[in-house]
PDB file of N, CA and C in Angstrom:
ATOM      1  N   GLN A   1      70.617 -49.351 -47.720  1.00  0.00           N
ATOM      2  CA  GLN A   1      69.299 -49.487 -48.282  1.00  0.00           C
ATOM      3  C   GLN A   1      68.361 -50.174 -47.281  1.00  0.00           C
ATOM      4  N   THR A   2      68.883 -51.108 -46.530  1.00  0.00           N
ATOM      5  CA  THR A   2      68.043 -51.805 -45.555  1.00  0.00           C
ATOM      6  C   THR A   2      67.556 -50.838 -44.479  1.00  0.00           C
ATOM      7  N   ALA A   3      68.425 -49.891 -44.083  1.00  0.00           N
ATOM      8  CA  ALA A   3      68.051 -48.936 -43.039  1.00  0.00           C
ATOM      9  C   ALA A   3      66.876 -48.065 -43.466  1.00  0.00           C
ATOM     10  N   SER A   4      66.757 -47.788 -44.763  1.00  0.00           N
ATOM     11  CA  SER A   4      65.656 -46.935 -45.210  1.00  0.00           C
ATOM     12  C   SER A   4      64.301 -47.620 -45.056  1.00  0.00           C
ATOM     13  N   PHE A   5      64.272 -48.934 -45.029  1.00  0.00           N
ATOM     14  CA  PHE A   5      63.015 -49.667 -44.868  1.00  0.00           C
ATOM     15  C   PHE A   5      62.783 -50.153 -43.437  1.00  0.00           C
ATOM     16  N   SER A   6      63.790 -50.027 -42.583  1.00  0.00           N
ATOM     17  CA  SER A   6      63.672 -50.561 -41.223  1.00  0.00           C
ATOM     18  C   SER A   6      63.039 -49.584 -40.238  1.00  0.00           C
ATOM     19  N   GLY A   7      62.865 -48.334 -40.640  1.00  0.00           N
ATOM     20  CA  GLY A   7      62.309 -47.337 -39.731  1.00  0.00           C
ATOM     21  C   GLY A   7      63.365 -46.609 -38.929  1.00  0.00           C
ATOM     22  N   THR A   8      64.628 -47.006 -39.063  1.00  0.00           N
ATOM     23  CA  THR A   8      65.715 -46.294 -38.394  1.00  0.00           C
ATOM     24  C   THR A   8      66.305 -45.288 -39.375  1.00  0.00           C
ATOM     25  N   PRO A   9      66.786 -44.152 -38.870  1.00  0.00           N
ATOM     26  CA  PRO A   9      67.376 -43.155 -39.766  1.00  0.00           C
ATOM     27  C   PRO A   9      68.573 -43.744 -40.521  1.00  0.00           C
ATOM     28  N   PRO A  10      68.620 -43.582 -41.839  1.00  0.00           N
ATOM     29  CA  PRO A  10      69.677 -44.202 -42.637  1.00  0.00           C
ATOM     30  C   PRO A  10      71.022 -43.473 -42.587  1.00  0.00           C
ATOM     31  N   PHE A  11      71.042 -42.252 -42.058  1.00  0.00           N
ATOM     32  CA  PHE A  11      72.278 -41.477 -42.073  1.00  0.00           C
ATOM     33  C   PHE A  11      72.859 -41.349 -40.669  1.00  0.00           C
ATOM     34  N   LYS A  12      74.170 -41.345 -40.576  1.00  0.00           N
ATOM     35  CA  LYS A  12      74.884 -41.308 -39.295  1.00  0.00           C
ATOM     36  C   LYS A  12      74.611 -40.013 -38.525  1.00  0.00           C
ATOM     37  N   HIS A  13      74.405 -38.895 -39.231  1.00  0.00           N
ATOM     38  CA  HIS A  13      74.242 -37.630 -38.524  1.00  0.00           C
ATOM     39  C   HIS A  13      72.993 -37.611 -37.637  1.00  0.00           C
ATOM     40  N   ASN A  14      71.973 -38.393 -37.965  1.00  0.00           N
ATOM     41  CA  ASN A  14      70.787 -38.466 -37.104  1.00  0.00           C
ATOM     42  C   ASN A  14      71.141 -39.039 -35.733  1.00  0.00           C
ATOM     43  N   GLU A  15      71.976 -40.052 -35.728  1.00  0.00           N
ATOM     44  CA  GLU A  15      72.432 -40.652 -34.471  1.00  0.00           C
ATOM     45  C   GLU A  15      73.299 -39.662 -33.688  1.00  0.00           C
ATOM     46  N   LEU A  16      74.142 -38.911 -34.391  1.00  0.00           N
ATOM     47  CA  LEU A  16      75.003 -37.925 -33.735  1.00  0.00           C
ATOM     48  C   LEU A  16      74.188 -36.796 -33.118  1.00  0.00           C
ATOM     49  N   ILE A  17      73.124 -36.371 -33.795  1.00  0.00           N
ATOM     50  CA  ILE A  17      72.251 -35.329 -33.246  1.00  0.00           C
ATOM     51  C   ILE A  17      71.546 -35.845 -31.999  1.00  0.00           C
ATOM     52  N   LYS A  18      71.060 -37.067 -32.054  1.00  0.00           N
ATOM     53  CA  LYS A  18      70.348 -37.657 -30.923  1.00  0.00           C
ATOM     54  C   LYS A  18      71.261 -37.788 -29.704  1.00  0.00           C
ATOM     55  N   SER A  19      72.536 -38.125 -29.920  1.00  0.00           N
ATOM     56  CA  SER A  19      73.481 -38.281 -28.813  1.00  0.00           C
ATOM     57  C   SER A  19      74.159 -36.967 -28.430  1.00  0.00           C
ATOM     58  N   LYS A  20      73.744 -35.866 -29.073  1.00  0.00           N
ATOM     59  CA  LYS A  20      74.263 -34.516 -28.825  1.00  0.00           C
ATOM     60  C   LYS A  20      75.743 -34.369 -29.162  1.00  0.00           C
ATOM     61  N   CYS A  21      76.242 -35.229 -30.047  1.00  0.00           N
ATOM     62  CA  CYS A  21      77.607 -35.077 -30.544  1.00  0.00           C
ATOM     63  C   CYS A  21      77.631 -34.121 -31.735  1.00  0.00           C
ATOM     64  N   LEU A  22      76.485 -33.935 -32.363  1.00  0.00           N
ATOM     65  CA  LEU A  22      76.342 -32.997 -33.475  1.00  0.00           C
ATOM     66  C   LEU A  22      75.245 -32.022 -33.094  1.00  0.00           C
ATOM     67  N   ILE A  23      75.598 -30.756 -33.050  1.00  0.00           N
ATOM     68  CA  ILE A  23      74.645 -29.722 -32.660  1.00  0.00           C
ATOM     69  C   ILE A  23      74.513 -28.752 -33.817  1.00  0.00           C
ATOM     70  N   THR A  24      73.288 -28.445 -34.179  1.00  0.00           N
ATOM     71  CA  THR A  24      73.060 -27.483 -35.253  1.00  0.00           C
ATOM     72  C   THR A  24      72.640 -26.152 -34.650  1.00  0.00           C
ATOM     73  N   ILE A  25      73.162 -25.078 -35.224  1.00  0.00           N
ATOM     74  CA  ILE A  25      72.791 -23.732 -34.793  1.00  0.00           C
ATOM     75  C   ILE A  25      72.248 -23.014 -36.018  1.00  0.00           C
ATOM     76  N   PRO A  26      70.952 -22.694 -36.033  1.00  0.00           N
ATOM     77  CA  PRO A  26      70.380 -21.982 -37.172  1.00  0.00           C
ATOM     78  C   PRO A  26      71.010 -20.600 -37.318  1.00  0.00           C
ATOM     79  N   SER A  27      71.051 -20.087 -38.530  1.00  0.00           N
ATOM     80  CA  SER A  27      71.707 -18.806 -38.786  1.00  0.00           C
ATOM     81  C   SER A  27      71.075 -17.665 -38.001  1.00  0.00           C
ATOM     82  N   ASP A  28      69.792 -17.757 -37.654  1.00  0.00           N
ATOM     83  CA  ASP A  28      69.168 -16.679 -36.885  1.00  0.00           C
ATOM     84  C   ASP A  28      69.616 -16.670 -35.423  1.00  0.00           C
ATOM     85  N   ARG A  29      70.329 -17.706 -34.980  1.00  0.00           N
ATOM     86  CA  ARG A  29      70.849 -17.743 -33.607  1.00  0.00           C
ATOM     87  C   ARG A  29      72.341 -17.433 -33.548  1.00  0.00           C
ATOM     88  N   LEU A  30      72.941 -17.058 -34.669  1.00  0.00           N
ATOM     89  CA  LEU A  30      74.368 -16.749 -34.677  1.00  0.00           C
ATOM     90  C   LEU A  30      74.693 -15.506 -33.865  1.00  0.00           C
ATOM     91  N   ASP A  31      73.701 -14.653 -33.619  1.00  0.00           N
ATOM     92  CA  ASP A  31      73.938 -13.457 -32.819  1.00  0.00           C
ATOM     93  C   ASP A  31      73.764 -13.718 -31.327  1.00  0.00           C
ATOM     94  N   ASP A  32      73.373 -14.916 -30.951  1.00  0.00           N
ATOM     95  CA  ASP A  32      73.180 -15.283 -29.551  1.00  0.00           C
ATOM     96  C   ASP A  32      74.539 -15.608 -28.933  1.00  0.00           C
ATOM     97  N   THR A  33      75.094 -14.646 -28.195  1.00  0.00           N
ATOM     98  CA  THR A  33      76.429 -14.789 -27.621  1.00  0.00           C
ATOM     99  C   THR A  33      76.543 -16.029 -26.745  1.00  0.00           C
ATOM    100  N   GLU A  34      75.527 -16.316 -25.953  1.00  0.00           N
ATOM    101  CA  GLU A  34      75.560 -17.481 -25.056  1.00  0.00           C
ATOM    102  C   GLU A  34      75.702 -18.780 -25.842  1.00  0.00           C
ATOM    103  N   THR A  35      74.976 -18.897 -26.942  1.00  0.00           N
ATOM    104  CA  THR A  35      75.047 -20.097 -27.784  1.00  0.00           C
ATOM    105  C   THR A  35      76.456 -20.299 -28.312  1.00  0.00           C
ATOM    106  N   LEU A  36      77.092 -19.218 -28.719  1.00  0.00           N
ATOM    107  CA  LEU A  36      78.398 -19.327 -29.356  1.00  0.00           C
ATOM    108  C   LEU A  36      79.542 -19.521 -28.379  1.00  0.00           C
ATOM    109  N   ILE A  37      79.414 -19.004 -27.182  1.00  0.00           N
ATOM    110  CA  ILE A  37      80.529 -19.080 -26.240  1.00  0.00           C
ATOM    111  C   ILE A  37      80.500 -20.377 -25.433  1.00  0.00           C
ATOM    112  N   ASN A  38      79.318 -20.906 -25.147  1.00  0.00           N
ATOM    113  CA  ASN A  38      79.200 -22.147 -24.370  1.00  0.00           C
ATOM    114  C   ASN A  38      79.158 -23.344 -25.303  1.00  0.00           C
ATOM    115  N   PHE A  39      80.299 -23.753 -25.777  1.00  0.00           N
ATOM    116  CA  PHE A  39      80.375 -24.918 -26.654  1.00  0.00           C
ATOM    117  C   PHE A  39      81.473 -25.830 -26.146  1.00  0.00           C
ATOM    118  N   GLU A  40      81.350 -27.092 -26.500  1.00  0.00           N
ATOM    119  CA  GLU A  40      82.351 -28.065 -26.070  1.00  0.00           C
ATOM    120  C   GLU A  40      83.458 -28.162 -27.104  1.00  0.00           C
ATOM    121  N   GLN A  41      84.657 -28.432 -26.615  1.00  0.00           N
ATOM    122  CA  GLN A  41      85.789 -28.610 -27.516  1.00  0.00           C
ATOM    123  C   GLN A  41      86.268 -30.042 -27.424  1.00  0.00           C
ATOM    124  N   PRO A  42      86.817 -30.616 -28.450  1.00  0.00           N
ATOM    125  CA  PRO A  42      87.052 -30.035 -29.770  1.00  0.00           C
ATOM    126  C   PRO A  42      85.753 -29.898 -30.556  1.00  0.00           C
ATOM    127  N   SER A  43      85.722 -28.913 -31.441  1.00  0.00           N
ATOM    128  CA  SER A  43      84.541 -28.632 -32.250  1.00  0.00           C
ATOM    129  C   SER A  43      84.931 -28.423 -33.699  1.00  0.00           C
ATOM    130  N   ILE A  44      83.993 -28.727 -34.572  1.00  0.00           N
ATOM    131  CA  ILE A  44      84.148 -28.454 -35.999  1.00  0.00           C
ATOM    132  C   ILE A  44      82.912 -27.685 -36.433  1.00  0.00           C
ATOM    133  N   ILE A  45      83.110 -26.577 -37.112  1.00  0.00           N
ATOM    134  CA  ILE A  45      82.004 -25.775 -37.630  1.00  0.00           C
ATOM    135  C   ILE A  45      81.955 -25.959 -39.137  1.00  0.00           C
ATOM    136  N   PHE A  46      80.780 -26.306 -39.655  1.00  0.00           N
ATOM    137  CA  PHE A  46      80.536 -26.343 -41.096  1.00  0.00           C
ATOM    138  C   PHE A  46      79.728 -25.097 -41.419  1.00  0.00           C
ATOM    139  N   THR A  47      80.206 -24.275 -42.328  1.00  0.00           N
ATOM    140  CA  THR A  47      79.491 -23.043 -42.635  1.00  0.00           C
ATOM    141  C   THR A  47      79.591 -22.699 -44.108  1.00  0.00           C
ATOM    142  N   GLY A  48      78.592 -22.048 -44.586  1.00  0.00           N
ATOM    143  CA  GLY A  48      78.600 -21.558 -45.953  1.00  0.00           C
ATOM    144  C   GLY A  48      78.272 -20.089 -45.977  1.00  0.00           C
ATOM    145  N   HIS A  49      78.296 -19.461 -44.821  1.00  0.00           N
ATOM    146  CA  HIS A  49      77.863 -18.079 -44.713  1.00  0.00           C
ATOM    147  C   HIS A  49      79.030 -17.191 -44.313  1.00  0.00           C
ATOM    148  N   LEU A  50      79.100 -16.016 -44.908  1.00  0.00           N
ATOM    149  CA  LEU A  50      80.209 -15.104 -44.631  1.00  0.00           C
ATOM    150  C   LEU A  50      80.028 -14.311 -43.338  1.00  0.00           C
ATOM    151  N   SER A  51      78.920 -14.522 -42.633  1.00  0.00           N
ATOM    152  CA  SER A  51      78.677 -13.762 -41.407  1.00  0.00           C
ATOM    153  C   SER A  51      79.646 -14.136 -40.291  1.00  0.00           C
ATOM    154  N   LEU A  52      80.511 -15.097 -40.534  1.00  0.00           N
ATOM    155  CA  LEU A  52      81.483 -15.480 -39.512  1.00  0.00           C
ATOM    156  C   LEU A  52      82.577 -14.433 -39.334  1.00  0.00           C
ATOM    157  N   ARG A  53      82.501 -13.346 -40.074  1.00  0.00           N
ATOM    158  CA  ARG A  53      83.522 -12.306 -39.951  1.00  0.00           C
ATOM    159  C   ARG A  53      83.134 -11.202 -38.977  1.00  0.00           C
ATOM    160  N   PHE A  54      81.867 -11.141 -38.564  1.00  0.00           N
ATOM    161  CA  PHE A  54      81.388 -10.043 -37.732  1.00  0.00           C
ATOM    162  C   PHE A  54      80.549 -10.572 -36.580  1.00  0.00           C
ATOM    163  N   GLY A  55      80.428  -9.769 -35.521  1.00  0.00           N
ATOM    164  CA  GLY A  55      79.526 -10.108 -34.422  1.00  0.00           C
ATOM    165  C   GLY A  55      80.117 -11.080 -33.420  1.00  0.00           C
ATOM    166  N   PRO A  56      79.260 -11.648 -32.578  1.00  0.00           N
ATOM    167  CA  PRO A  56      79.700 -12.526 -31.490  1.00  0.00           C
ATOM    168  C   PRO A  56      80.424 -13.783 -31.952  1.00  0.00           C
ATOM    169  N   VAL A  57      80.174 -14.211 -33.181  1.00  0.00           N
ATOM    170  CA  VAL A  57      80.826 -15.423 -33.667  1.00  0.00           C
ATOM    171  C   VAL A  57      82.344 -15.251 -33.725  1.00  0.00           C
ATOM    172  N   VAL A  58      82.814 -14.017 -33.802  1.00  0.00           N
ATOM    173  CA  VAL A  58      84.258 -13.757 -33.798  1.00  0.00           C
ATOM    174  C   VAL A  58      84.863 -14.245 -32.481  1.00  0.00           C
ATOM    175  N   GLN A  59      84.129 -14.086 -31.371  1.00  0.00           N
ATOM    176  CA  GLN A  59      84.602 -14.586 -30.071  1.00  0.00           C
ATOM    177  C   GLN A  59      84.731 -16.105 -30.092  1.00  0.00           C
ATOM    178  N   LEU A  60      83.799 -16.764 -30.754  1.00  0.00           N
ATOM    179  CA  LEU A  60      83.857 -18.219 -30.873  1.00  0.00           C
ATOM    180  C   LEU A  60      85.099 -18.639 -31.649  1.00  0.00           C
ATOM    181  N   ILE A  61      85.366 -17.971 -32.748  1.00  0.00           N
ATOM    182  CA  ILE A  61      86.541 -18.301 -33.559  1.00  0.00           C
ATOM    183  C   ILE A  61      87.817 -18.054 -32.761  1.00  0.00           C
ATOM    184  N   GLU A  62      87.859 -16.965 -32.006  1.00  0.00           N
ATOM    185  CA  GLU A  62      89.020 -16.682 -31.163  1.00  0.00           C
ATOM    186  C   GLU A  62      89.227 -17.797 -30.141  1.00  0.00           C
ATOM    187  N   LYS A  63      88.137 -18.279 -29.561  1.00  0.00           N
ATOM    188  CA  LYS A  63      88.221 -19.351 -28.567  1.00  0.00           C
ATOM    189  C   LYS A  63      88.651 -20.665 -29.222  1.00  0.00           C
ATOM    190  N   MET A  64      88.153 -20.911 -30.433  1.00  0.00           N
ATOM    191  CA  MET A  64      88.469 -22.159 -31.126  1.00  0.00           C
ATOM    192  C   MET A  64      89.926 -22.237 -31.564  1.00  0.00           C
ATOM    193  N   LYS A  65      90.524 -21.105 -31.881  1.00  0.00           N
ATOM    194  CA  LYS A  65      91.882 -21.151 -32.428  1.00  0.00           C
ATOM    195  C   LYS A  65      92.946 -21.509 -31.393  1.00  0.00           C
ATOM    196  N   THR A  66      92.550 -21.616 -30.123  1.00  0.00           N
ATOM    197  CA  THR A  66      93.516 -21.997 -29.092  1.00  0.00           C
ATOM    198  C   THR A  66      93.874 -23.477 -29.143  1.00  0.00           C
ATOM    199  N   SER A  67      93.095 -24.279 -29.887  1.00  0.00           N
ATOM    200  CA  SER A  67      93.368 -25.714 -29.967  1.00  0.00           C
ATOM    201  C   SER A  67      93.375 -26.170 -31.419  1.00  0.00           C
ATOM    202  N   SER A  68      94.394 -26.928 -31.780  1.00  0.00           N
ATOM    203  CA  SER A  68      94.467 -27.444 -33.155  1.00  0.00           C
ATOM    204  C   SER A  68      93.456 -28.570 -33.387  1.00  0.00           C
ATOM    205  N   SER A  69      92.753 -28.990 -32.341  1.00  0.00           N
ATOM    206  CA  SER A  69      91.716 -30.018 -32.482  1.00  0.00           C
ATOM    207  C   SER A  69      90.416 -29.450 -33.047  1.00  0.00           C
ATOM    208  N   ASN A  70      90.262 -28.124 -33.018  1.00  0.00           N
ATOM    209  CA  ASN A  70      89.071 -27.470 -33.549  1.00  0.00           C
ATOM    210  C   ASN A  70      89.259 -27.199 -35.037  1.00  0.00           C
ATOM    211  N   GLY A  71      88.142 -27.022 -35.737  1.00  0.00           N
ATOM    212  CA  GLY A  71      88.239 -26.719 -37.160  1.00  0.00           C
ATOM    213  C   GLY A  71      87.007 -26.021 -37.693  1.00  0.00           C
ATOM    214  N   ILE A  72      87.194 -25.296 -38.791  1.00  0.00           N
ATOM    215  CA  ILE A  72      86.089 -24.654 -39.500  1.00  0.00           C
ATOM    216  C   ILE A  72      86.166 -25.112 -40.944  1.00  0.00           C
ATOM    217  N   ILE A  73      85.063 -25.622 -41.454  1.00  0.00           N
ATOM    218  CA  ILE A  73      84.999 -26.070 -42.845  1.00  0.00           C
ATOM    219  C   ILE A  73      84.019 -25.162 -43.569  1.00  0.00           C
ATOM    220  N   PHE A  74      84.528 -24.416 -44.553  1.00  0.00           N
ATOM    221  CA  PHE A  74      83.688 -23.517 -45.334  1.00  0.00           C
ATOM    222  C   PHE A  74      83.143 -24.269 -46.538  1.00  0.00           C
ATOM    223  N   ILE A  75      81.836 -24.173 -46.740  1.00  0.00           N
ATOM    224  CA  ILE A  75      81.170 -24.879 -47.829  1.00  0.00           C
ATOM    225  C   ILE A  75      80.668 -23.849 -48.828  1.00  0.00           C
ATOM    226  N   ASP A  76      81.063 -24.001 -50.079  1.00  0.00           N
ATOM    227  CA  ASP A  76      80.597 -23.107 -51.130  1.00  0.00           C
ATOM    228  C   ASP A  76      79.254 -23.619 -51.636  1.00  0.00           C
ATOM    229  N   ASN A  77      78.216 -22.821 -51.460  1.00  0.00           N
ATOM    230  CA  ASN A  77      76.870 -23.242 -51.855  1.00  0.00           C
ATOM    231  C   ASN A  77      76.750 -23.541 -53.345  1.00  0.00           C
ATOM    232  N   GLN A  78      77.630 -22.972 -54.130  1.00  0.00           N
ATOM    233  CA  GLN A  78      77.592 -23.206 -55.575  1.00  0.00           C
ATOM    234  C   GLN A  78      77.919 -24.662 -55.902  1.00  0.00           C
ATOM    235  N   TYR A  79      78.742 -25.309 -55.070  1.00  0.00           N
ATOM    236  CA  TYR A  79      79.182 -26.670 -55.364  1.00  0.00           C
ATOM    237  C   TYR A  79      78.537 -27.730 -54.478  1.00  0.00           C
ATOM    238  N   SER A  80      77.749 -27.319 -53.492  1.00  0.00           N
ATOM    239  CA  SER A  80      77.150 -28.318 -52.597  1.00  0.00           C
ATOM    240  C   SER A  80      75.738 -28.666 -53.007  1.00  0.00           C
TER     241      SER A  80
END
């Protein structure tokens, strides 16, 4: 509660975005092969979209499955 009045972002993800430990990719950039292939590992993908089954993102999933440190978390929009 104090952070909300101090002018600093109250949530941890703001700090992670600023330090480039958390990177967001808008759904309209999922077809950008360069964006999907040039990523750092280990990585975790949070997704609620079924488009992860087709297109360049399949290459990303193939690359991610080589390490057990990577992960994909599917979020059901009905419950979030």
